[in-house]
Amino acid sequence: MQKLSTLVWVFIIVVASFMLYKEKDQVLTLKKQVAETERQLEAEKEALHVVAAEWAYLNRPERLQQLAARYLASSDVTVDQVADIQAIPFPGQSVASIDPDQSLKPVSARILREGMR
């Protein structure tokens, strides 16, 4: 009986040792993955800082002013180009309505109907 008990305990210790080794290996693998992910994250942060610096450099006001003068064919606004908002011919406004029979009709149908009159 004592031999059987010793054999069971040896088996349990071997299985526990194997499981402990397996867990240790998984932990080391996860640590490597975390380190690689952190390295990639730092590289991405550095790339974002470079892009932000390039964006700030390209958006300098004096550079944008030179580009606008070179490529945009605009001139200064004169007094005769300014008008009141009422002088702008806006298209007629259309509003959806409900017919007396309480069914909704699309605005396009009402516009077509009114346009035929």
PDB file of N, CA and C in Angstrom:
ATOM      1  N   MET A   1       0.820  -1.194   0.000  1.00  0.00           N
ATOM      2  CA  MET A   1       0.000   0.000   0.000  1.00  0.00           C
ATOM      3  C   MET A   1       0.865   1.259   0.000  1.00  0.00           C
ATOM      4  N   GLN A   2       1.978   1.214   0.740  1.00  0.00           N
ATOM      5  CA  GLN A   2       2.861   2.369   0.808  1.00  0.00           C
ATOM      6  C   GLN A   2       3.550   2.595  -0.538  1.00  0.00           C
ATOM      7  N   LYS A   3       3.858   1.520  -1.276  1.00  0.00           N
ATOM      8  CA  LYS A   3       4.450   1.642  -2.594  1.00  0.00           C
ATOM      9  C   LYS A   3       3.485   2.314  -3.574  1.00  0.00           C
ATOM     10  N   LEU A   4       2.232   1.957  -3.480  1.00  0.00           N
ATOM     11  CA  LEU A   4       1.210   2.541  -4.346  1.00  0.00           C
ATOM     12  C   LEU A   4       1.050   4.028  -4.038  1.00  0.00           C
ATOM     13  N   SER A   5       1.041   4.373  -2.765  1.00  0.00           N
ATOM     14  CA  SER A   5       0.927   5.770  -2.352  1.00  0.00           C
ATOM     15  C   SER A   5       2.127   6.575  -2.859  1.00  0.00           C
ATOM     16  N   THR A   6       3.320   6.029  -2.752  1.00  0.00           N
ATOM     17  CA  THR A   6       4.524   6.712  -3.236  1.00  0.00           C
ATOM     18  C   THR A   6       4.465   6.876  -4.750  1.00  0.00           C
ATOM     19  N   LEU A   7       4.020   5.857  -5.443  1.00  0.00           N
ATOM     20  CA  LEU A   7       3.900   5.913  -6.896  1.00  0.00           C
ATOM     21  C   LEU A   7       2.890   6.979  -7.326  1.00  0.00           C
ATOM     22  N   VAL A   8       1.780   7.096  -6.627  1.00  0.00           N
ATOM     23  CA  VAL A   8       0.757   8.118  -6.933  1.00  0.00           C
ATOM     24  C   VAL A   8       1.346   9.505  -6.728  1.00  0.00           C
ATOM     25  N   TRP A   9       2.075   9.694  -5.612  1.00  0.00           N
ATOM     26  CA  TRP A   9       2.670  11.006  -5.339  1.00  0.00           C
ATOM     27  C   TRP A   9       3.744  11.361  -6.374  1.00  0.00           C
ATOM     28  N   VAL A  10       4.514  10.429  -6.777  1.00  0.00           N
ATOM     29  CA  VAL A  10       5.524  10.687  -7.815  1.00  0.00           C
ATOM     30  C   VAL A  10       4.823  11.066  -9.122  1.00  0.00           C
ATOM     31  N   PHE A  11       3.765  10.371  -9.464  1.00  0.00           N
ATOM     32  CA  PHE A  11       3.003  10.691 -10.674  1.00  0.00           C
ATOM     33  C   PHE A  11       2.428  12.109 -10.596  1.00  0.00           C
ATOM     34  N   ILE A  12       1.865  12.459  -9.435  1.00  0.00           N
ATOM     35  CA  ILE A  12       1.291  13.804  -9.247  1.00  0.00           C
ATOM     36  C   ILE A  12       2.377  14.863  -9.378  1.00  0.00           C
ATOM     37  N   ILE A  13       3.551  14.624  -8.797  1.00  0.00           N
ATOM     38  CA  ILE A  13       4.650  15.588  -8.870  1.00  0.00           C
ATOM     39  C   ILE A  13       5.138  15.739 -10.310  1.00  0.00           C
ATOM     40  N   VAL A  14       5.235  14.667 -11.048  1.00  0.00           N
ATOM     41  CA  VAL A  14       5.668  14.727 -12.447  1.00  0.00           C
ATOM     42  C   VAL A  14       4.654  15.504 -13.288  1.00  0.00           C
ATOM     43  N   VAL A  15       3.373  15.216 -13.100  1.00  0.00           N
ATOM     44  CA  VAL A  15       2.325  15.926 -13.853  1.00  0.00           C
ATOM     45  C   VAL A  15       2.329  17.408 -13.487  1.00  0.00           C
ATOM     46  N   ALA A  16       2.443  17.713 -12.197  1.00  0.00           N
ATOM     47  CA  ALA A  16       2.467  19.112 -11.769  1.00  0.00           C
ATOM     48  C   ALA A  16       3.696  19.825 -12.334  1.00  0.00           C
ATOM     49  N   SER A  17       4.835  19.164 -12.343  1.00  0.00           N
ATOM     50  CA  SER A  17       6.057  19.765 -12.900  1.00  0.00           C
ATOM     51  C   SER A  17       5.894  20.040 -14.386  1.00  0.00           C
ATOM     52  N   PHE A  18       5.321  19.090 -15.108  1.00  0.00           N
ATOM     53  CA  PHE A  18       5.091  19.283 -16.532  1.00  0.00           C
ATOM     54  C   PHE A  18       4.143  20.453 -16.782  1.00  0.00           C
ATOM     55  N   MET A  19       3.066  20.539 -16.021  1.00  0.00           N
ATOM     56  CA  MET A  19       2.102  21.632 -16.181  1.00  0.00           C
ATOM     57  C   MET A  19       2.741  22.971 -15.831  1.00  0.00           C
ATOM     58  N   LEU A  20       3.585  22.989 -14.790  1.00  0.00           N
ATOM     59  CA  LEU A  20       4.274  24.211 -14.405  1.00  0.00           C
ATOM     60  C   LEU A  20       5.223  24.663 -15.522  1.00  0.00           C
ATOM     61  N   TYR A  21       5.952  23.724 -16.116  1.00  0.00           N
ATOM     62  CA  TYR A  21       6.839  24.045 -17.229  1.00  0.00           C
ATOM     63  C   TYR A  21       6.045  24.602 -18.411  1.00  0.00           C
ATOM     64  N   LYS A  22       4.910  23.975 -18.698  1.00  0.00           N
ATOM     65  CA  LYS A  22       4.063  24.416 -19.808  1.00  0.00           C
ATOM     66  C   LYS A  22       3.555  25.846 -19.568  1.00  0.00           C
ATOM     67  N   GLU A  23       3.114  26.143 -18.342  1.00  0.00           N
ATOM     68  CA  GLU A  23       2.642  27.489 -17.994  1.00  0.00           C
ATOM     69  C   GLU A  23       3.779  28.509 -18.109  1.00  0.00           C
ATOM     70  N   LYS A  24       4.969  28.126 -17.639  1.00  0.00           N
ATOM     71  CA  LYS A  24       6.128  29.011 -17.718  1.00  0.00           C
ATOM     72  C   LYS A  24       6.436  29.344 -19.175  1.00  0.00           C
ATOM     73  N   ASP A  25       6.364  28.345 -20.054  1.00  0.00           N
ATOM     74  CA  ASP A  25       6.621  28.557 -21.470  1.00  0.00           C
ATOM     75  C   ASP A  25       5.577  29.501 -22.074  1.00  0.00           C
ATOM     76  N   GLN A  26       4.314  29.328 -21.690  1.00  0.00           N
ATOM     77  CA  GLN A  26       3.256  30.212 -22.191  1.00  0.00           C
ATOM     78  C   GLN A  26       3.466  31.648 -21.706  1.00  0.00           C
ATOM     79  N   VAL A  27       3.885  31.806 -20.448  1.00  0.00           N
ATOM     80  CA  VAL A  27       4.129  33.136 -19.909  1.00  0.00           C
ATOM     81  C   VAL A  27       5.277  33.805 -20.663  1.00  0.00           C
ATOM     82  N   LEU A  28       6.340  33.079 -20.942  1.00  0.00           N
ATOM     83  CA  LEU A  28       7.462  33.644 -21.688  1.00  0.00           C
ATOM     84  C   LEU A  28       7.045  34.042 -23.106  1.00  0.00           C
ATOM     85  N   THR A  29       6.220  33.221 -23.725  1.00  0.00           N
ATOM     86  CA  THR A  29       5.716  33.551 -25.057  1.00  0.00           C
ATOM     87  C   THR A  29       4.875  34.822 -25.019  1.00  0.00           C
ATOM     88  N   LEU A  30       4.020  34.945 -24.017  1.00  0.00           N
ATOM     89  CA  LEU A  30       3.190  36.151 -23.885  1.00  0.00           C
ATOM     90  C   LEU A  30       4.049  37.379 -23.595  1.00  0.00           C
ATOM     91  N   LYS A  31       5.098  37.222 -22.789  1.00  0.00           N
ATOM     92  CA  LYS A  31       5.985  38.353 -22.506  1.00  0.00           C
ATOM     93  C   LYS A  31       6.670  38.828 -23.784  1.00  0.00           C
ATOM     94  N   LYS A  32       7.086  37.888 -24.636  1.00  0.00           N
ATOM     95  CA  LYS A  32       7.697  38.258 -25.910  1.00  0.00           C
ATOM     96  C   LYS A  32       6.701  39.004 -26.795  1.00  0.00           C
ATOM     97  N   GLN A  33       5.453  38.526 -26.810  1.00  0.00           N
ATOM     98  CA  GLN A  33       4.424  39.194 -27.616  1.00  0.00           C
ATOM     99  C   GLN A  33       4.151  40.602 -27.090  1.00  0.00           C
ATOM    100  N   VAL A  34       4.097  40.758 -25.765  1.00  0.00           N
ATOM    101  CA  VAL A  34       3.863  42.083 -25.180  1.00  0.00           C
ATOM    102  C   VAL A  34       5.020  43.015 -25.515  1.00  0.00           C
ATOM    103  N   ALA A  35       6.263  42.523 -25.414  1.00  0.00           N
ATOM    104  CA  ALA A  35       7.426  43.347 -25.739  1.00  0.00           C
ATOM    105  C   ALA A  35       7.401  43.773 -27.205  1.00  0.00           C
ATOM    106  N   GLU A  36       7.044  42.863 -28.102  1.00  0.00           N
ATOM    107  CA  GLU A  36       6.963  43.185 -29.531  1.00  0.00           C
ATOM    108  C   GLU A  36       5.857  44.206 -29.796  1.00  0.00           C
ATOM    109  N   THR A  37       4.720  44.034 -29.138  1.00  0.00           N
ATOM    110  CA  THR A  37       3.615  44.982 -29.304  1.00  0.00           C
ATOM    111  C   THR A  37       4.001  46.362 -28.789  1.00  0.00           C
ATOM    112  N   GLU A  38       4.698  46.418 -27.650  1.00  0.00           N
ATOM    113  CA  GLU A  38       5.156  47.703 -27.116  1.00  0.00           C
ATOM    114  C   GLU A  38       6.156  48.360 -28.058  1.00  0.00           C
ATOM    115  N   ARG A  39       7.032  47.566 -28.672  1.00  0.00           N
ATOM    116  CA  ARG A  39       7.995  48.113 -29.618  1.00  0.00           C
ATOM    117  C   ARG A  39       7.276  48.691 -30.837  1.00  0.00           C
ATOM    118  N   GLN A  40       6.267  47.963 -31.337  1.00  0.00           N
ATOM    119  CA  GLN A  40       5.494  48.459 -32.473  1.00  0.00           C
ATOM    120  C   GLN A  40       4.738  49.727 -32.106  1.00  0.00           C
ATOM    121  N   LEU A  41       4.201  49.771 -30.893  1.00  0.00           N
ATOM    122  CA  LEU A  41       3.466  50.950 -30.438  1.00  0.00           C
ATOM    123  C   LEU A  41       4.382  52.167 -30.372  1.00  0.00           C
ATOM    124  N   GLU A  42       5.579  51.988 -29.862  1.00  0.00           N
ATOM    125  CA  GLU A  42       6.541  53.097 -29.806  1.00  0.00           C
ATOM    126  C   GLU A  42       6.914  53.559 -31.211  1.00  0.00           C
ATOM    127  N   ALA A  43       7.091  52.609 -32.138  1.00  0.00           N
ATOM    128  CA  ALA A  43       7.414  52.980 -33.520  1.00  0.00           C
ATOM    129  C   ALA A  43       6.273  53.776 -34.144  1.00  0.00           C
ATOM    130  N   GLU A  44       5.028  53.369 -33.878  1.00  0.00           N
ATOM    131  CA  GLU A  44       3.870  54.096 -34.402  1.00  0.00           C
ATOM    132  C   GLU A  44       3.766  55.487 -33.797  1.00  0.00           C
ATOM    133  N   LYS A  45       4.044  55.607 -32.501  1.00  0.00           N
ATOM    134  CA  LYS A  45       4.012  56.927 -31.862  1.00  0.00           C
ATOM    135  C   LYS A  45       5.064  57.842 -32.483  1.00  0.00           C
ATOM    136  N   GLU A  46       6.249  57.295 -32.721  1.00  0.00           N
ATOM    137  CA  GLU A  46       7.305  58.095 -33.333  1.00  0.00           C
ATOM    138  C   GLU A  46       6.905  58.527 -34.744  1.00  0.00           C
ATOM    139  N   ALA A  47       6.294  57.614 -35.493  1.00  0.00           N
ATOM    140  CA  ALA A  47       5.835  57.953 -36.841  1.00  0.00           C
ATOM    141  C   ALA A  47       4.766  59.040 -36.795  1.00  0.00           C
ATOM    142  N   LEU A  48       3.884  58.979 -35.807  1.00  0.00           N
ATOM    143  CA  LEU A  48       2.852  60.015 -35.667  1.00  0.00           C
ATOM    144  C   LEU A  48       3.474  61.371 -35.340  1.00  0.00           C
ATOM    145  N   HIS A  49       4.511  61.375 -34.520  1.00  0.00           N
ATOM    146  CA  HIS A  49       5.194  62.635 -34.209  1.00  0.00           C
ATOM    147  C   HIS A  49       5.850  63.207 -35.461  1.00  0.00           C
ATOM    148  N   VAL A  50       6.424  62.344 -36.293  1.00  0.00           N
ATOM    149  CA  VAL A  50       7.048  62.806 -37.537  1.00  0.00           C
ATOM    150  C   VAL A  50       5.989  63.390 -38.465  1.00  0.00           C
ATOM    151  N   VAL A  51       4.858  62.714 -38.580  1.00  0.00           N
ATOM    152  CA  VAL A  51       3.778  63.210 -39.447  1.00  0.00           C
ATOM    153  C   VAL A  51       3.245  64.547 -38.928  1.00  0.00           C
ATOM    154  N   ALA A  52       3.099  64.667 -37.617  1.00  0.00           N
ATOM    155  CA  ALA A  52       2.619  65.940 -37.042  1.00  0.00           C
ATOM    156  C   ALA A  52       3.614  67.063 -37.319  1.00  0.00           C
ATOM    157  N   ALA A  53       4.908  66.761 -37.211  1.00  0.00           N
ATOM    158  CA  ALA A  53       5.919  67.784 -37.495  1.00  0.00           C
ATOM    159  C   ALA A  53       5.895  68.178 -38.968  1.00  0.00           C
ATOM    160  N   GLU A  54       5.755  67.199 -39.858  1.00  0.00           N
ATOM    161  CA  GLU A  54       5.661  67.505 -41.290  1.00  0.00           C
ATOM    162  C   GLU A  54       4.429  68.341 -41.597  1.00  0.00           C
ATOM    163  N   TRP A  55       3.318  68.000 -40.958  1.00  0.00           N
ATOM    164  CA  TRP A  55       2.069  68.750 -41.174  1.00  0.00           C
ATOM    165  C   TRP A  55       2.234  70.199 -40.717  1.00  0.00           C
ATOM    166  N   ALA A  56       2.849  70.388 -39.561  1.00  0.00           N
ATOM    167  CA  ALA A  56       3.075  71.747 -39.063  1.00  0.00           C
ATOM    168  C   ALA A  56       4.000  72.508 -40.009  1.00  0.00           C
ATOM    169  N   TYR A  57       5.013  71.840 -40.535  1.00  0.00           N
ATOM    170  CA  TYR A  57       5.941  72.486 -41.458  1.00  0.00           C
ATOM    171  C   TYR A  57       5.237  72.882 -42.753  1.00  0.00           C
ATOM    172  N   LEU A  58       4.405  71.983 -43.281  1.00  0.00           N
ATOM    173  CA  LEU A  58       3.726  72.264 -44.545  1.00  0.00           C
ATOM    174  C   LEU A  58       2.613  73.298 -44.401  1.00  0.00           C
ATOM    175  N   ASN A  59       2.093  73.494 -43.205  1.00  0.00           N
ATOM    176  CA  ASN A  59       0.993  74.439 -42.992  1.00  0.00           C
ATOM    177  C   ASN A  59       1.450  75.777 -42.433  1.00  0.00           C
ATOM    178  N   ARG A  60       2.690  76.118 -42.649  1.00  0.00           N
ATOM    179  CA  ARG A  60       3.162  77.445 -42.223  1.00  0.00           C
ATOM    180  C   ARG A  60       2.403  78.501 -43.024  1.00  0.00           C
ATOM    181  N   PRO A  61       1.943  79.558 -42.369  1.00  0.00           N
ATOM    182  CA  PRO A  61       1.153  80.579 -43.077  1.00  0.00           C
ATOM    183  C   PRO A  61       1.886  81.206 -44.263  1.00  0.00           C
ATOM    184  N   GLU A  62       3.183  81.488 -44.123  1.00  0.00           N
ATOM    185  CA  GLU A  62       3.891  82.124 -45.241  1.00  0.00           C
ATOM    186  C   GLU A  62       3.991  81.173 -46.445  1.00  0.00           C
ATOM    187  N   ARG A  63       4.131  79.883 -46.203  1.00  0.00           N
ATOM    188  CA  ARG A  63       4.178  78.908 -47.297  1.00  0.00           C
ATOM    189  C   ARG A  63       2.821  78.804 -47.974  1.00  0.00           C
ATOM    190  N   LEU A  64       1.749  78.741 -47.158  1.00  0.00           N
ATOM    191  CA  LEU A  64       0.405  78.657 -47.738  1.00  0.00           C
ATOM    192  C   LEU A  64       0.070  79.909 -48.534  1.00  0.00           C
ATOM    193  N   GLN A  65       0.543  81.059 -48.061  1.00  0.00           N
ATOM    194  CA  GLN A  65       0.288  82.310 -48.786  1.00  0.00           C
ATOM    195  C   GLN A  65       1.007  82.284 -50.141  1.00  0.00           C
ATOM    196  N   GLN A  66       2.240  81.798 -50.176  1.00  0.00           N
ATOM    197  CA  GLN A  66       2.971  81.701 -51.442  1.00  0.00           C
ATOM    198  C   GLN A  66       2.281  80.733 -52.400  1.00  0.00           C
ATOM    199  N   LEU A  67       1.823  79.581 -51.889  1.00  0.00           N
ATOM    200  CA  LEU A  67       1.134  78.617 -52.740  1.00  0.00           C
ATOM    201  C   LEU A  67      -0.186  79.176 -53.273  1.00  0.00           C
ATOM    202  N   ALA A  68      -0.898  79.880 -52.424  1.00  0.00           N
ATOM    203  CA  ALA A  68      -2.170  80.473 -52.862  1.00  0.00           C
ATOM    204  C   ALA A  68      -1.920  81.518 -53.946  1.00  0.00           C
ATOM    205  N   ALA A  69      -0.896  82.329 -53.771  1.00  0.00           N
ATOM    206  CA  ALA A  69      -0.597  83.341 -54.781  1.00  0.00           C
ATOM    207  C   ALA A  69      -0.168  82.691 -56.092  1.00  0.00           C
ATOM    208  N   ARG A  70       0.532  81.575 -56.028  1.00  0.00           N
ATOM    209  CA  ARG A  70       1.037  80.920 -57.233  1.00  0.00           C
ATOM    210  C   ARG A  70      -0.053  80.133 -57.964  1.00  0.00           C
ATOM    211  N   TYR A  71      -0.905  79.402 -57.223  1.00  0.00           N
ATOM    212  CA  TYR A  71      -1.815  78.460 -57.877  1.00  0.00           C
ATOM    213  C   TYR A  71      -3.283  78.883 -57.906  1.00  0.00           C
ATOM    214  N   LEU A  72      -3.703  79.787 -57.058  1.00  0.00           N
ATOM    215  CA  LEU A  72      -5.106  80.200 -57.050  1.00  0.00           C
ATOM    216  C   LEU A  72      -5.256  81.492 -57.842  1.00  0.00           C
ATOM    217  N   ALA A  73      -6.156  81.474 -58.785  1.00  0.00           N
ATOM    218  CA  ALA A  73      -6.392  82.650 -59.610  1.00  0.00           C
ATOM    219  C   ALA A  73      -7.489  83.483 -58.974  1.00  0.00           C
ATOM    220  N   SER A  74      -7.217  84.025 -57.830  1.00  0.00           N
ATOM    221  CA  SER A  74      -8.225  84.860 -57.173  1.00  0.00           C
ATOM    222  C   SER A  74      -7.699  86.282 -57.078  1.00  0.00           C
ATOM    223  N   SER A  75      -8.644  87.176 -57.021  1.00  0.00           N
ATOM    224  CA  SER A  75      -8.280  88.586 -56.883  1.00  0.00           C
ATOM    225  C   SER A  75      -9.031  89.143 -55.693  1.00  0.00           C
ATOM    226  N   ASP A  76      -8.683  90.347 -55.333  1.00  0.00           N
ATOM    227  CA  ASP A  76      -9.344  90.976 -54.199  1.00  0.00           C
ATOM    228  C   ASP A  76     -10.807  91.236 -54.530  1.00  0.00           C
ATOM    229  N   VAL A  77     -11.644  91.202 -53.511  1.00  0.00           N
ATOM    230  CA  VAL A  77     -13.072  91.458 -53.672  1.00  0.00           C
ATOM    231  C   VAL A  77     -13.281  92.957 -53.770  1.00  0.00           C
ATOM    232  N   THR A  78     -14.051  93.368 -54.775  1.00  0.00           N
ATOM    233  CA  THR A  78     -14.349  94.787 -54.952  1.00  0.00           C
ATOM    234  C   THR A  78     -15.717  95.095 -54.365  1.00  0.00           C
ATOM    235  N   VAL A  79     -16.002  96.360 -54.210  1.00  0.00           N
ATOM    236  CA  VAL A  79     -17.259  96.782 -53.592  1.00  0.00           C
ATOM    237  C   VAL A  79     -18.453  96.375 -54.449  1.00  0.00           C
ATOM    238  N   ASP A  80     -18.321  96.419 -55.767  1.00  0.00           N
ATOM    239  CA  ASP A  80     -19.467  96.073 -56.625  1.00  0.00           C
ATOM    240  C   ASP A  80     -19.732  94.572 -56.665  1.00  0.00           C
ATOM    241  N   GLN A  81     -18.853  93.746 -56.058  1.00  0.00           N
ATOM    242  CA  GLN A  81     -19.102  92.313 -55.985  1.00  0.00           C
ATOM    243  C   GLN A  81     -19.892  91.922 -54.743  1.00  0.00           C
ATOM    244  N   VAL A  82     -20.090  92.821 -53.816  1.00  0.00           N
ATOM    245  CA  VAL A  82     -20.804  92.537 -52.579  1.00  0.00           C
ATOM    246  C   VAL A  82     -22.280  92.871 -52.785  1.00  0.00           C
ATOM    247  N   ALA A  83     -23.158  91.979 -52.371  1.00  0.00           N
ATOM    248  CA  ALA A  83     -24.592  92.187 -52.550  1.00  0.00           C
ATOM    249  C   ALA A  83     -25.324  91.766 -51.285  1.00  0.00           C
ATOM    250  N   ASP A  84     -26.578  92.213 -51.186  1.00  0.00           N
ATOM    251  CA  ASP A  84     -27.419  91.800 -50.062  1.00  0.00           C
ATOM    252  C   ASP A  84     -27.878  90.367 -50.288  1.00  0.00           C
ATOM    253  N   ILE A  85     -28.211  89.697 -49.231  1.00  0.00           N
ATOM    254  CA  ILE A  85     -28.668  88.309 -49.324  1.00  0.00           C
ATOM    255  C   ILE A  85     -29.997  88.219 -50.078  1.00  0.00           C
ATOM    256  N   GLN A  86     -30.819  89.264 -49.993  1.00  0.00           N
ATOM    257  CA  GLN A  86     -32.102  89.251 -50.697  1.00  0.00           C
ATOM    258  C   GLN A  86     -31.911  89.320 -52.210  1.00  0.00           C
ATOM    259  N   ALA A  87     -30.773  89.783 -52.674  1.00  0.00           N
ATOM    260  CA  ALA A  87     -30.534  89.905 -54.111  1.00  0.00           C
ATOM    261  C   ALA A  87     -30.153  88.567 -54.749  1.00  0.00           C
ATOM    262  N   ILE A  88     -29.872  87.581 -53.941  1.00  0.00           N
ATOM    263  CA  ILE A  88     -29.483  86.274 -54.470  1.00  0.00           C
ATOM    264  C   ILE A  88     -30.742  85.506 -54.855  1.00  0.00           C
ATOM    265  N   PRO A  89     -30.843  85.043 -56.110  1.00  0.00           N
ATOM    266  CA  PRO A  89     -32.049  84.331 -56.537  1.00  0.00           C
ATOM    267  C   PRO A  89     -32.019  82.864 -56.085  1.00  0.00           C
ATOM    268  N   PHE A  90     -32.624  82.589 -54.946  1.00  0.00           N
ATOM    269  CA  PHE A  90     -32.709  81.218 -54.449  1.00  0.00           C
ATOM    270  C   PHE A  90     -33.864  80.498 -55.131  1.00  0.00           C
ATOM    271  N   PRO A  91     -33.756  79.191 -55.365  1.00  0.00           N
ATOM    272  CA  PRO A  91     -34.892  78.453 -55.935  1.00  0.00           C
ATOM    273  C   PRO A  91     -36.049  78.439 -54.945  1.00  0.00           C
ATOM    274  N   GLY A  92     -37.261  78.252 -55.475  1.00  0.00           N
ATOM    275  CA  GLY A  92     -38.443  78.230 -54.620  1.00  0.00           C
ATOM    276  C   GLY A  92     -38.345  77.149 -53.551  1.00  0.00           C
ATOM    277  N   GLN A  93     -38.768  77.502 -52.368  1.00  0.00           N
ATOM    278  CA  GLN A  93     -38.725  76.533 -51.278  1.00  0.00           C
ATOM    279  C   GLN A  93     -39.923  75.605 -51.381  1.00  0.00           C
ATOM    280  N   SER A  94     -39.696  74.333 -51.123  1.00  0.00           N
ATOM    281  CA  SER A  94     -40.777  73.360 -51.153  1.00  0.00           C
ATOM    282  C   SER A  94     -40.932  72.761 -49.771  1.00  0.00           C
ATOM    283  N   VAL A  95     -42.157  72.593 -49.360  1.00  0.00           N
ATOM    284  CA  VAL A  95     -42.449  72.069 -48.031  1.00  0.00           C
ATOM    285  C   VAL A  95     -43.364  70.863 -48.191  1.00  0.00           C
ATOM    286  N   ALA A  96     -43.081  69.815 -47.488  1.00  0.00           N
ATOM    287  CA  ALA A  96     -43.947  68.640 -47.519  1.00  0.00           C
ATOM    288  C   ALA A  96     -45.264  68.970 -46.845  1.00  0.00           C
ATOM    289  N   SER A  97     -46.350  68.434 -47.367  1.00  0.00           N
ATOM    290  CA  SER A  97     -47.657  68.717 -46.774  1.00  0.00           C
ATOM    291  C   SER A  97     -48.457  67.428 -46.673  1.00  0.00           C
ATOM    292  N   ILE A  98     -49.498  67.505 -45.889  1.00  0.00           N
ATOM    293  CA  ILE A  98     -50.401  66.376 -45.715  1.00  0.00           C
ATOM    294  C   ILE A  98     -51.692  66.703 -46.436  1.00  0.00           C
ATOM    295  N   ASP A  99     -52.126  65.804 -47.299  1.00  0.00           N
ATOM    296  CA  ASP A  99     -53.398  65.988 -47.993  1.00  0.00           C
ATOM    297  C   ASP A  99     -54.541  65.792 -47.002  1.00  0.00           C
ATOM    298  N   PRO A 100     -55.728  66.258 -47.343  1.00  0.00           N
ATOM    299  CA  PRO A 100     -56.868  66.095 -46.438  1.00  0.00           C
ATOM    300  C   PRO A 100     -57.175  64.647 -46.079  1.00  0.00           C
ATOM    301  N   ASP A 101     -56.809  63.713 -46.963  1.00  0.00           N
ATOM    302  CA  ASP A 101     -57.093  62.318 -46.627  1.00  0.00           C
ATOM    303  C   ASP A 101     -56.032  61.746 -45.680  1.00  0.00           C
ATOM    304  N   GLN A 102     -55.184  62.611 -45.128  1.00  0.00           N
ATOM    305  CA  GLN A 102     -54.175  62.271 -44.124  1.00  0.00           C
ATOM    306  C   GLN A 102     -53.078  61.329 -44.625  1.00  0.00           C
ATOM    307  N   SER A 103     -52.891  61.238 -45.910  1.00  0.00           N
ATOM    308  CA  SER A 103     -51.787  60.424 -46.414  1.00  0.00           C
ATOM    309  C   SER A 103     -50.644  61.365 -46.804  1.00  0.00           C
ATOM    310  N   LEU A 104     -49.447  60.985 -46.508  1.00  0.00           N
ATOM    311  CA  LEU A 104     -48.289  61.806 -46.829  1.00  0.00           C
ATOM    312  C   LEU A 104     -47.968  61.689 -48.306  1.00  0.00           C
ATOM    313  N   LYS A 105     -47.693  62.811 -48.912  1.00  0.00           N
ATOM    314  CA  LYS A 105     -47.305  62.838 -50.316  1.00  0.00           C
ATOM    315  C   LYS A 105     -45.894  63.408 -50.390  1.00  0.00           C
ATOM    316  N   PRO A 106     -45.051  62.870 -51.250  1.00  0.00           N
ATOM    317  CA  PRO A 106     -43.713  63.429 -51.383  1.00  0.00           C
ATOM    318  C   PRO A 106     -43.760  64.827 -51.981  1.00  0.00           C
ATOM    319  N   VAL A 107     -42.787  65.632 -51.650  1.00  0.00           N
ATOM    320  CA  VAL A 107     -42.718  67.002 -52.148  1.00  0.00           C
ATOM    321  C   VAL A 107     -42.615  67.004 -53.660  1.00  0.00           C
ATOM    322  N   SER A 108     -41.879  66.048 -54.223  1.00  0.00           N
ATOM    323  CA  SER A 108     -41.706  66.009 -55.676  1.00  0.00           C
ATOM    324  C   SER A 108     -43.051  65.840 -56.382  1.00  0.00           C
ATOM    325  N   ALA A 109     -43.959  65.064 -55.812  1.00  0.00           N
ATOM    326  CA  ALA A 109     -45.285  64.886 -56.428  1.00  0.00           C
ATOM    327  C   ALA A 109     -46.056  66.188 -56.394  1.00  0.00           C
ATOM    328  N   ARG A 110     -45.961  66.945 -55.285  1.00  0.00           N
ATOM    329  CA  ARG A 110     -46.675  68.213 -55.185  1.00  0.00           C
ATOM    330  C   ARG A 110     -46.086  69.233 -56.149  1.00  0.00           C
ATOM    331  N   ILE A 111     -44.764  69.231 -56.309  1.00  0.00           N
ATOM    332  CA  ILE A 111     -44.123  70.168 -57.217  1.00  0.00           C
ATOM    333  C   ILE A 111     -44.547  69.863 -58.649  1.00  0.00           C
ATOM    334  N   LEU A 112     -44.584  68.581 -59.013  1.00  0.00           N
ATOM    335  CA  LEU A 112     -45.022  68.212 -60.352  1.00  0.00           C
ATOM    336  C   LEU A 112     -46.481  68.612 -60.583  1.00  0.00           C
ATOM    337  N   ARG A 113     -47.303  68.378 -59.554  1.00  0.00           N
ATOM    338  CA  ARG A 113     -48.736  68.713 -59.667  1.00  0.00           C
ATOM    339  C   ARG A 113     -48.914  70.212 -59.807  1.00  0.00           C
ATOM    340  N   GLU A 114     -48.181  71.002 -59.005  1.00  0.00           N
ATOM    341  CA  GLU A 114     -48.314  72.456 -59.087  1.00  0.00           C
ATOM    342  C   GLU A 114     -47.702  73.011 -60.361  1.00  0.00           C
ATOM    343  N   GLY A 115     -46.656  72.337 -60.848  1.00  0.00           N
ATOM    344  CA  GLY A 115     -46.012  72.792 -62.074  1.00  0.00           C
ATOM    345  C   GLY A 115     -46.873  72.577 -63.302  1.00  0.00           C
ATOM    346  N   MET A 116     -47.804  71.614 -63.274  1.00  0.00           N
ATOM    347  CA  MET A 116     -48.661  71.318 -64.416  1.00  0.00           C
ATOM    348  C   MET A 116     -49.827  72.281 -64.502  1.00  0.00           C
ATOM    349  N   ARG A 117     -50.096  73.019 -63.459  1.00  0.00           N
ATOM    350  CA  ARG A 117     -51.242  73.948 -63.492  1.00  0.00           C
ATOM    351  C   ARG A 117     -50.991  75.134 -64.340  1.00  0.00           C
TER     352      ARG A 117
END
